Amino acid sequence: MAYEVLEQKTTYQGKIVTIQEDRIRMPNGTEAVRETVIRKKNAAAVLPVLPDGKLLFVRQYRHAFGEMMLEVPAGVIEEGEDARSAIARELEEETGKKSEDIHFLCCMRPTVGFCSEQISLFFAFHLQEGKQHFDEDEWIELESYSYEQALELIESGEITDGKTIALIYAYGCRYK
């Protein structure tokens, strides 16, 4: 016997997420309630590698934590857009850099316990100058670090974002 959804109820409908409460039947026949955050759009993230080998990051305000956080450039995949196109757009918007040398790493599901979000992860090499242009509600600072410095920033707690940590470690496994 598989899991069976018996009832679904939307408890919140926002611009970016929907919160849903489901009553399910477990394989042993008992019933349980599960809350799920449904992302309307999935996302893509990229670790840009500068010509000098340093890694390029953005520092931006994340309201859930009330602080400026150091992370890789990322953004939502818009309707009709594929993940590679989305990350090429986000890379230029957030950093002012362009790349035609973008490599797909994987698709991750960062919070499978309660959220349907999927993030496609990429690396970008051979960066060229583009035009930085933020969304109206964005304020982004650029910072670059060597791979070794990025590892230290993870260990010190300066970098805590999951997609960023995954990309840094994957970069070390593949390219170092």
C-alpha atoms as a PDB file:
ATOM      1  CA  MET A   1       0.000   0.000   0.000  1.00  0.00           C
ATOM      2  CA  ALA A   2       1.288   3.462  -0.881  1.00  0.00           C
ATOM      3  CA  TYR A   3       0.666   6.836   0.706  1.00  0.00           C
ATOM      4  CA  GLU A   4      -2.743   8.188  -0.271  1.00  0.00           C
ATOM      5  CA  VAL A   5      -3.899  11.809  -0.126  1.00  0.00           C
ATOM      6  CA  LEU A   6      -7.374  11.826   1.384  1.00  0.00           C
ATOM      7  CA  GLU A   7      -7.987  15.571   1.597  1.00  0.00           C
ATOM      8  CA  GLN A   8      -6.166  18.747   0.585  1.00  0.00           C
ATOM      9  CA  LYS A   9      -6.832  22.175   2.051  1.00  0.00           C
ATOM     10  CA  THR A  10      -5.086  25.434   1.095  1.00  0.00           C
ATOM     11  CA  THR A  11      -4.465  27.429   4.275  1.00  0.00           C
ATOM     12  CA  TYR A  12      -2.550  30.327   2.690  1.00  0.00           C
ATOM     13  CA  GLN A  13      -2.222  31.666  -0.858  1.00  0.00           C
ATOM     14  CA  GLY A  14       0.554  34.226  -1.393  1.00  0.00           C
ATOM     15  CA  LYS A  15       2.460  35.724  -4.340  1.00  0.00           C
ATOM     16  CA  ILE A  16       5.329  33.245  -4.108  1.00  0.00           C
ATOM     17  CA  VAL A  17       4.087  30.330  -2.018  1.00  0.00           C
ATOM     18  CA  THR A  18       0.966  28.397  -1.157  1.00  0.00           C
ATOM     19  CA  ILE A  19       0.669  26.571   2.155  1.00  0.00           C
ATOM     20  CA  GLN A  20      -1.301  23.383   1.954  1.00  0.00           C
ATOM     21  CA  GLU A  21      -2.493  21.000   4.652  1.00  0.00           C
ATOM     22  CA  ASP A  22      -3.045  17.425   3.527  1.00  0.00           C
ATOM     23  CA  ARG A  23      -4.666  14.536   5.322  1.00  0.00           C
ATOM     24  CA  ILE A  24      -2.975  11.337   4.160  1.00  0.00           C
ATOM     25  CA  ARG A  25      -3.312   7.620   4.711  1.00  0.00           C
ATOM     26  CA  MET A  26      -0.030   5.991   5.671  1.00  0.00           C
ATOM     27  CA  PRO A  27       1.038   2.565   4.288  1.00  0.00           C
ATOM     28  CA  ASN A  28      -0.080   0.924   7.558  1.00  0.00           C
ATOM     29  CA  GLY A  29      -3.596   2.413   7.215  1.00  0.00           C
ATOM     30  CA  THR A  30      -3.322   5.161   9.852  1.00  0.00           C
ATOM     31  CA  GLU A  31      -4.015   8.780   8.958  1.00  0.00           C
ATOM     32  CA  ALA A  32      -1.708  11.768   9.400  1.00  0.00           C
ATOM     33  CA  VAL A  33      -1.680  15.500   8.587  1.00  0.00           C
ATOM     34  CA  ARG A  34       1.170  17.059   6.614  1.00  0.00           C
ATOM     35  CA  GLU A  35       1.752  20.763   5.952  1.00  0.00           C
ATOM     36  CA  THR A  36       3.537  21.623   2.740  1.00  0.00           C
ATOM     37  CA  VAL A  37       4.842  24.900   1.360  1.00  0.00           C
ATOM     38  CA  ILE A  38       4.346  24.856  -2.388  1.00  0.00           C
ATOM     39  CA  ARG A  39       6.655  27.123  -4.382  1.00  0.00           C
ATOM     40  CA  LYS A  40       4.945  28.565  -7.429  1.00  0.00           C
ATOM     41  CA  LYS A  41       8.223  28.835  -9.314  1.00  0.00           C
ATOM     42  CA  ASN A  42      11.435  26.888  -8.990  1.00  0.00           C
ATOM     43  CA  ALA A  43      14.826  28.555  -8.908  1.00  0.00           C
ATOM     44  CA  ALA A  44      18.339  28.392 -10.305  1.00  0.00           C
ATOM     45  CA  ALA A  45      21.659  29.306  -8.693  1.00  0.00           C
ATOM     46  CA  VAL A  46      25.170  29.748 -10.050  1.00  0.00           C
ATOM     47  CA  LEU A  47      28.712  29.861  -8.694  1.00  0.00           C
ATOM     48  CA  PRO A  48      30.553  32.340 -10.955  1.00  0.00           C
ATOM     49  CA  VAL A  49      34.320  31.796 -11.249  1.00  0.00           C
ATOM     50  CA  LEU A  50      36.287  34.957 -12.058  1.00  0.00           C
ATOM     51  CA  PRO A  51      39.274  34.889 -14.455  1.00  0.00           C
ATOM     52  CA  ASP A  52      41.665  35.052 -11.465  1.00  0.00           C
ATOM     53  CA  GLY A  53      40.041  31.925 -10.007  1.00  0.00           C
ATOM     54  CA  LYS A  54      38.169  33.725  -7.240  1.00  0.00           C
ATOM     55  CA  LEU A  55      34.524  32.890  -6.635  1.00  0.00           C
ATOM     56  CA  LEU A  56      31.968  35.684  -6.985  1.00  0.00           C
ATOM     57  CA  PHE A  57      29.210  36.057  -4.392  1.00  0.00           C
ATOM     58  CA  VAL A  58      26.356  38.439  -3.681  1.00  0.00           C
ATOM     59  CA  ARG A  59      25.448  39.814  -0.289  1.00  0.00           C
ATOM     60  CA  GLN A  60      21.780  40.675  -0.010  1.00  0.00           C
ATOM     61  CA  TYR A  61      19.079  41.149   2.568  1.00  0.00           C
ATOM     62  CA  ARG A  62      17.102  38.040   3.469  1.00  0.00           C
ATOM     63  CA  HIS A  63      14.065  39.010   5.487  1.00  0.00           C
ATOM     64  CA  ALA A  64      13.463  35.561   7.009  1.00  0.00           C
ATOM     65  CA  PHE A  65      16.733  36.033   8.921  1.00  0.00           C
ATOM     66  CA  GLY A  66      16.692  39.842   9.121  1.00  0.00           C
ATOM     67  CA  GLU A  67      20.239  40.179   7.815  1.00  0.00           C
ATOM     68  CA  MET A  68      22.449  40.587   4.784  1.00  0.00           C
ATOM     69  CA  MET A  69      23.565  37.097   3.726  1.00  0.00           C
ATOM     70  CA  LEU A  70      26.497  36.016   1.566  1.00  0.00           C
ATOM     71  CA  GLU A  71      25.395  33.622  -1.163  1.00  0.00           C
ATOM     72  CA  VAL A  72      25.665  32.741  -4.833  1.00  0.00           C
ATOM     73  CA  PRO A  73      23.556  34.597  -7.406  1.00  0.00           C
ATOM     74  CA  ALA A  74      20.150  32.960  -7.760  1.00  0.00           C
ATOM     75  CA  GLY A  75      16.604  33.644  -8.775  1.00  0.00           C
ATOM     76  CA  VAL A  76      13.304  32.202  -9.906  1.00  0.00           C
ATOM     77  CA  ILE A  77      12.764  30.482 -13.208  1.00  0.00           C
ATOM     78  CA  GLU A  78      10.140  32.553 -14.984  1.00  0.00           C
ATOM     79  CA  GLU A  79       7.228  31.102 -16.955  1.00  0.00           C
ATOM     80  CA  GLY A  80       8.458  29.714 -20.296  1.00  0.00           C
ATOM     81  CA  GLU A  81      12.118  29.941 -19.262  1.00  0.00           C
ATOM     82  CA  ASP A  82      14.472  27.002 -18.736  1.00  0.00           C
ATOM     83  CA  ALA A  83      16.893  26.861 -15.807  1.00  0.00           C
ATOM     84  CA  ARG A  84      19.998  27.673 -17.911  1.00  0.00           C
ATOM     85  CA  SER A  85      18.370  30.765 -19.430  1.00  0.00           C
ATOM     86  CA  ALA A  86      17.139  31.852 -16.012  1.00  0.00           C
ATOM     87  CA  ILE A  87      20.584  31.622 -14.453  1.00  0.00           C
ATOM     88  CA  ALA A  88      22.235  33.440 -17.357  1.00  0.00           C
ATOM     89  CA  ARG A  89      19.708  36.257 -16.818  1.00  0.00           C
ATOM     90  CA  GLU A  90      20.146  36.284 -13.022  1.00  0.00           C
ATOM     91  CA  LEU A  91      23.958  36.217 -13.319  1.00  0.00           C
ATOM     92  CA  GLU A  92      23.943  39.376 -15.397  1.00  0.00           C
ATOM     93  CA  GLU A  93      21.200  41.119 -13.396  1.00  0.00           C
ATOM     94  CA  GLU A  94      22.854  40.509 -10.012  1.00  0.00           C
ATOM     95  CA  THR A  95      26.581  40.665 -10.880  1.00  0.00           C
ATOM     96  CA  GLY A  96      26.890  42.488 -14.189  1.00  0.00           C
ATOM     97  CA  LYS A  97      28.698  39.446 -15.623  1.00  0.00           C
ATOM     98  CA  LYS A  98      27.780  37.234 -18.572  1.00  0.00           C
ATOM     99  CA  SER A  99      28.973  33.774 -19.507  1.00  0.00           C
ATOM    100  CA  GLU A 100      28.466  31.377 -22.373  1.00  0.00           C
ATOM    101  CA  ASP A 101      30.392  28.729 -20.417  1.00  0.00           C
ATOM    102  CA  ILE A 102      27.717  27.618 -17.950  1.00  0.00           C
ATOM    103  CA  HIS A 103      27.790  24.044 -16.622  1.00  0.00           C
ATOM    104  CA  PHE A 104      24.846  22.266 -14.980  1.00  0.00           C
ATOM    105  CA  LEU A 105      25.668  20.432 -11.738  1.00  0.00           C
ATOM    106  CA  CYS A 106      22.332  19.065 -10.466  1.00  0.00           C
ATOM    107  CA  CYS A 107      18.858  19.883  -9.289  1.00  0.00           C
ATOM    108  CA  MET A 108      18.496  20.000  -5.508  1.00  0.00           C
ATOM    109  CA  ARG A 109      15.476  19.973  -3.234  1.00  0.00           C
ATOM    110  CA  PRO A 110      16.761  21.874  -0.206  1.00  0.00           C
ATOM    111  CA  THR A 111      13.915  21.382   2.276  1.00  0.00           C
ATOM    112  CA  VAL A 112      12.117  18.149   1.389  1.00  0.00           C
ATOM    113  CA  GLY A 113      10.443  17.892   4.786  1.00  0.00           C
ATOM    114  CA  PHE A 114       7.953  20.669   4.052  1.00  0.00           C
ATOM    115  CA  CYS A 115       8.688  22.555   0.795  1.00  0.00           C
ATOM    116  CA  SER A 116       8.382  21.677  -2.898  1.00  0.00           C
ATOM    117  CA  GLU A 117      11.146  24.092  -4.001  1.00  0.00           C
ATOM    118  CA  GLN A 118      13.699  22.802  -6.506  1.00  0.00           C
ATOM    119  CA  ILE A 119      16.903  24.675  -7.339  1.00  0.00           C
ATOM    120  CA  SER A 120      19.003  23.945 -10.425  1.00  0.00           C
ATOM    121  CA  LEU A 121      22.699  24.469  -9.652  1.00  0.00           C
ATOM    122  CA  PHE A 122      25.297  25.705 -12.142  1.00  0.00           C
ATOM    123  CA  PHE A 123      28.900  26.882 -12.452  1.00  0.00           C
ATOM    124  CA  ALA A 124      29.822  29.798 -14.741  1.00  0.00           C
ATOM    125  CA  PHE A 125      33.307  30.292 -16.220  1.00  0.00           C
ATOM    126  CA  HIS A 126      34.946  32.744 -18.662  1.00  0.00           C
ATOM    127  CA  LEU A 127      32.927  35.677 -17.377  1.00  0.00           C
ATOM    128  CA  GLN A 128      32.533  38.763 -19.513  1.00  0.00           C
ATOM    129  CA  GLU A 129      31.271  42.205 -18.655  1.00  0.00           C
ATOM    130  CA  GLY A 130      27.537  42.700 -18.905  1.00  0.00           C
ATOM    131  CA  LYS A 131      25.108  45.143 -17.333  1.00  0.00           C
ATOM    132  CA  GLN A 132      24.042  44.859 -13.714  1.00  0.00           C
ATOM    133  CA  HIS A 133      20.387  45.776 -13.110  1.00  0.00           C
ATOM    134  CA  PHE A 134      18.599  44.935  -9.895  1.00  0.00           C
ATOM    135  CA  ASP A 135      14.909  44.416  -9.303  1.00  0.00           C
ATOM    136  CA  GLU A 136      13.261  47.419  -7.596  1.00  0.00           C
ATOM    137  CA  ASP A 137      13.325  45.675  -4.219  1.00  0.00           C
ATOM    138  CA  GLU A 138      16.937  44.363  -4.405  1.00  0.00           C
ATOM    139  CA  TRP A 139      20.097  45.789  -2.900  1.00  0.00           C
ATOM    140  CA  ILE A 140      23.117  43.649  -3.698  1.00  0.00           C
ATOM    141  CA  GLU A 141      26.796  43.956  -2.838  1.00  0.00           C
ATOM    142  CA  LEU A 142      29.410  41.896  -4.714  1.00  0.00           C
ATOM    143  CA  GLU A 143      32.248  40.083  -2.943  1.00  0.00           C
ATOM    144  CA  SER A 144      34.850  37.650  -4.247  1.00  0.00           C
ATOM    145  CA  TYR A 145      36.912  35.066  -2.384  1.00  0.00           C
ATOM    146  CA  SER A 146      39.329  32.277  -3.168  1.00  0.00           C
ATOM    147  CA  TYR A 147      38.040  28.736  -2.803  1.00  0.00           C
ATOM    148  CA  GLU A 148      40.017  28.370   0.443  1.00  0.00           C
ATOM    149  CA  GLN A 149      38.565  31.611   1.820  1.00  0.00           C
ATOM    150  CA  ALA A 150      35.056  30.441   0.889  1.00  0.00           C
ATOM    151  CA  LEU A 151      35.615  27.242   2.891  1.00  0.00           C
ATOM    152  CA  GLU A 152      36.721  29.346   5.863  1.00  0.00           C
ATOM    153  CA  LEU A 153      33.563  31.471   5.514  1.00  0.00           C
ATOM    154  CA  ILE A 154      31.463  28.299   5.723  1.00  0.00           C
ATOM    155  CA  GLU A 155      33.368  27.077   8.779  1.00  0.00           C
ATOM    156  CA  SER A 156      33.088  30.450  10.518  1.00  0.00           C
ATOM    157  CA  GLY A 157      29.328  30.644   9.924  1.00  0.00           C
ATOM    158  CA  GLU A 158      29.538  33.619   7.548  1.00  0.00           C
ATOM    159  CA  ILE A 159      28.131  31.491   4.703  1.00  0.00           C
ATOM    160  CA  THR A 160      25.111  29.502   5.863  1.00  0.00           C
ATOM    161  CA  ASP A 161      22.971  29.306   2.733  1.00  0.00           C
ATOM    162  CA  GLY A 162      22.488  25.683   1.608  1.00  0.00           C
ATOM    163  CA  LYS A 163      22.706  26.177  -2.156  1.00  0.00           C
ATOM    164  CA  THR A 164      25.875  28.231  -1.718  1.00  0.00           C
ATOM    165  CA  ILE A 165      27.518  25.628   0.509  1.00  0.00           C
ATOM    166  CA  ALA A 166      26.579  22.853  -1.944  1.00  0.00           C
ATOM    167  CA  LEU A 167      28.063  24.733  -4.890  1.00  0.00           C
ATOM    168  CA  ILE A 168      31.302  25.583  -3.071  1.00  0.00           C
ATOM    169  CA  TYR A 169      31.891  21.976  -2.002  1.00  0.00           C
ATOM    170  CA  ALA A 170      30.942  20.651  -5.452  1.00  0.00           C
ATOM    171  CA  TYR A 171      33.347  23.134  -7.051  1.00  0.00           C
ATOM    172  CA  GLY A 172      36.135  21.782  -4.830  1.00  0.00           C
ATOM    173  CA  CYS A 173      35.309  18.187  -5.797  1.00  0.00           C
ATOM    174  CA  ARG A 174      35.179  18.910  -9.521  1.00  0.00           C
ATOM    175  CA  TYR A 175      37.669  21.673 -10.184  1.00  0.00           C
ATOM    176  CA  LYS A 176      40.216  21.712  -7.335  1.00  0.00           C
END
